[in-house]
C-alpha atoms as a PDB file:
ATOM      1  CA  MET A   1       0.000   0.000   0.000  1.00  0.00           C
ATOM      2  CA  THR A   2       1.319   3.419  -0.971  1.00  0.00           C
ATOM      3  CA  TRP A   3       0.220   6.605   0.789  1.00  0.00           C
ATOM      4  CA  LEU A   4      -0.328  10.029  -0.707  1.00  0.00           C
ATOM      5  CA  ILE A   5      -0.533  13.163   1.439  1.00  0.00           C
ATOM      6  CA  VAL A   6      -2.664  15.947  -0.047  1.00  0.00           C
ATOM      7  CA  ILE A   7      -3.038  19.217   1.894  1.00  0.00           C
ATOM      8  CA  GLY A   8      -2.708  17.519   5.269  1.00  0.00           C
ATOM      9  CA  ILE A   9      -5.034  14.634   4.357  1.00  0.00           C
ATOM     10  CA  THR A  10      -3.581  11.132   4.042  1.00  0.00           C
ATOM     11  CA  LEU A  11      -5.161   9.041   1.299  1.00  0.00           C
ATOM     12  CA  PRO A  12      -4.312   5.376   0.619  1.00  0.00           C
ATOM     13  CA  PHE A  13      -4.158   4.279  -2.992  1.00  0.00           C
ATOM     14  CA  GLN A  14      -3.043   1.203  -4.856  1.00  0.00           C
ATOM     15  CA  THR A  15      -0.769   1.195  -7.882  1.00  0.00           C
ATOM     16  CA  LEU A  16      -0.474  -1.533 -10.483  1.00  0.00           C
ATOM     17  CA  HIS A  17       2.459  -2.074 -12.815  1.00  0.00           C
ATOM     18  CA  ILE A  18       1.808  -3.848 -16.105  1.00  0.00           C
ATOM     19  CA  GLY A  19       5.057  -4.809 -17.794  1.00  0.00           C
ATOM     20  CA  GLN A  20       5.880  -5.194 -21.474  1.00  0.00           C
ATOM     21  CA  GLU A  21       5.766  -9.012 -21.222  1.00  0.00           C
ATOM     22  CA  GLU A  22       2.206  -8.930 -19.872  1.00  0.00           C
ATOM     23  CA  ILE A  23       1.111  -6.494 -22.582  1.00  0.00           C
ATOM     24  CA  SER A  24       2.655  -8.698 -25.280  1.00  0.00           C
ATOM     25  CA  ARG A  25       1.137 -11.859 -23.797  1.00  0.00           C
ATOM     26  CA  GLN A  26      -2.379 -10.417 -23.828  1.00  0.00           C
ATOM     27  CA  ASN A  27      -2.009  -9.222 -27.436  1.00  0.00           C
ATOM     28  CA  SER A  28      -4.853  -6.725 -26.958  1.00  0.00           C
ATOM     29  CA  PRO A  29      -5.338  -4.068 -29.641  1.00  0.00           C
ATOM     30  CA  VAL A  30      -6.034  -1.254 -27.131  1.00  0.00           C
ATOM     31  CA  SER A  31      -4.728  -0.306 -23.686  1.00  0.00           C
ATOM     32  CA  ALA A  32      -8.203  -0.354 -22.139  1.00  0.00           C
ATOM     33  CA  GLU A  33      -8.509  -4.085 -22.774  1.00  0.00           C
ATOM     34  CA  VAL A  34      -5.152  -4.697 -21.072  1.00  0.00           C
ATOM     35  CA  LEU A  35      -6.405  -2.784 -18.016  1.00  0.00           C
ATOM     36  CA  MET A  36      -9.676  -4.727 -18.008  1.00  0.00           C
ATOM     37  CA  GLN A  37      -7.761  -8.035 -17.947  1.00  0.00           C
ATOM     38  CA  THR A  38      -6.223  -7.108 -14.572  1.00  0.00           C
ATOM     39  CA  GLY A  39      -9.630  -7.461 -12.900  1.00  0.00           C
ATOM     40  CA  ASN A  40      -9.219  -4.096 -11.161  1.00  0.00           C
ATOM     41  CA  VAL A  41     -10.691  -1.893 -13.888  1.00  0.00           C
ATOM     42  CA  PHE A  42     -13.992  -2.038 -15.744  1.00  0.00           C
ATOM     43  CA  ALA A  43     -14.390  -0.173 -19.011  1.00  0.00           C
ATOM     44  CA  GLN A  44     -17.736   0.557 -20.572  1.00  0.00           C
ATOM     45  CA  LYS A  45     -17.469   0.600 -24.367  1.00  0.00           C
ATOM     46  CA  SER A  46     -19.760   2.549 -26.631  1.00  0.00           C
ATOM     47  CA  GLN A  47     -20.998   1.426 -30.044  1.00  0.00           C
ATOM     48  CA  ARG A  48     -18.524   3.714 -31.798  1.00  0.00           C
ATOM     49  CA  GLY A  49     -15.528   2.163 -30.029  1.00  0.00           C
ATOM     50  CA  GLY A  50     -15.185   4.920 -27.438  1.00  0.00           C
ATOM     51  CA  GLY A  51     -15.968   4.477 -23.780  1.00  0.00           C
ATOM     52  CA  GLY A  52     -14.990   5.292 -20.259  1.00  0.00           C
ATOM     53  CA  LEU A  53     -13.295   3.642 -17.320  1.00  0.00           C
ATOM     54  CA  ILE A  54     -15.246   2.804 -14.199  1.00  0.00           C
ATOM     55  CA  LEU A  55     -12.929   2.890 -11.175  1.00  0.00           C
ATOM     56  CA  ARG A  56     -14.146   2.070  -7.686  1.00  0.00           C
ATOM     57  CA  GLY A  57     -14.656   5.206  -5.634  1.00  0.00           C
ATOM     58  CA  LEU A  58     -14.430   7.639  -8.536  1.00  0.00           C
ATOM     59  CA  GLU A  59     -17.181   9.249 -10.531  1.00  0.00           C
ATOM     60  CA  ALA A  60     -16.869   9.732 -14.288  1.00  0.00           C
ATOM     61  CA  ASN A  61     -15.693  13.342 -13.975  1.00  0.00           C
ATOM     62  CA  GLN A  62     -12.912  12.350 -11.517  1.00  0.00           C
ATOM     63  CA  GLU A  63     -11.118   9.811 -13.719  1.00  0.00           C
ATOM     64  CA  GLN A  64      -7.483  10.539 -14.428  1.00  0.00           C
ATOM     65  CA  MET A  65      -7.026   7.908 -17.152  1.00  0.00           C
ATOM     66  CA  HIS A  66      -8.566   8.028 -20.609  1.00  0.00           C
ATOM     67  CA  PRO A  67      -7.414   5.064 -22.735  1.00  0.00           C
ATOM     68  CA  GLU A  68      -8.338   4.984 -26.393  1.00  0.00           C
ATOM     69  CA  PHE A  69     -10.851   2.438 -27.661  1.00  0.00           C
ATOM     70  CA  THR A  70      -9.918   1.981 -31.321  1.00  0.00           C
END
């Protein structure tokens, strides 16, 4: 567990490292699919190939990651 201190408030957050070998093994065409395979991220795809990540504890306007769905 890593800790981040923001203006006197301590917030716990988890980081995940996905290495080149894992990316190559999954052979996914887009980064969002690689993230979905971790089991920690859910991505909602639209009919046009776009979409948005759904991260636990964050609303849509608070997301800091925007992978491309192409």
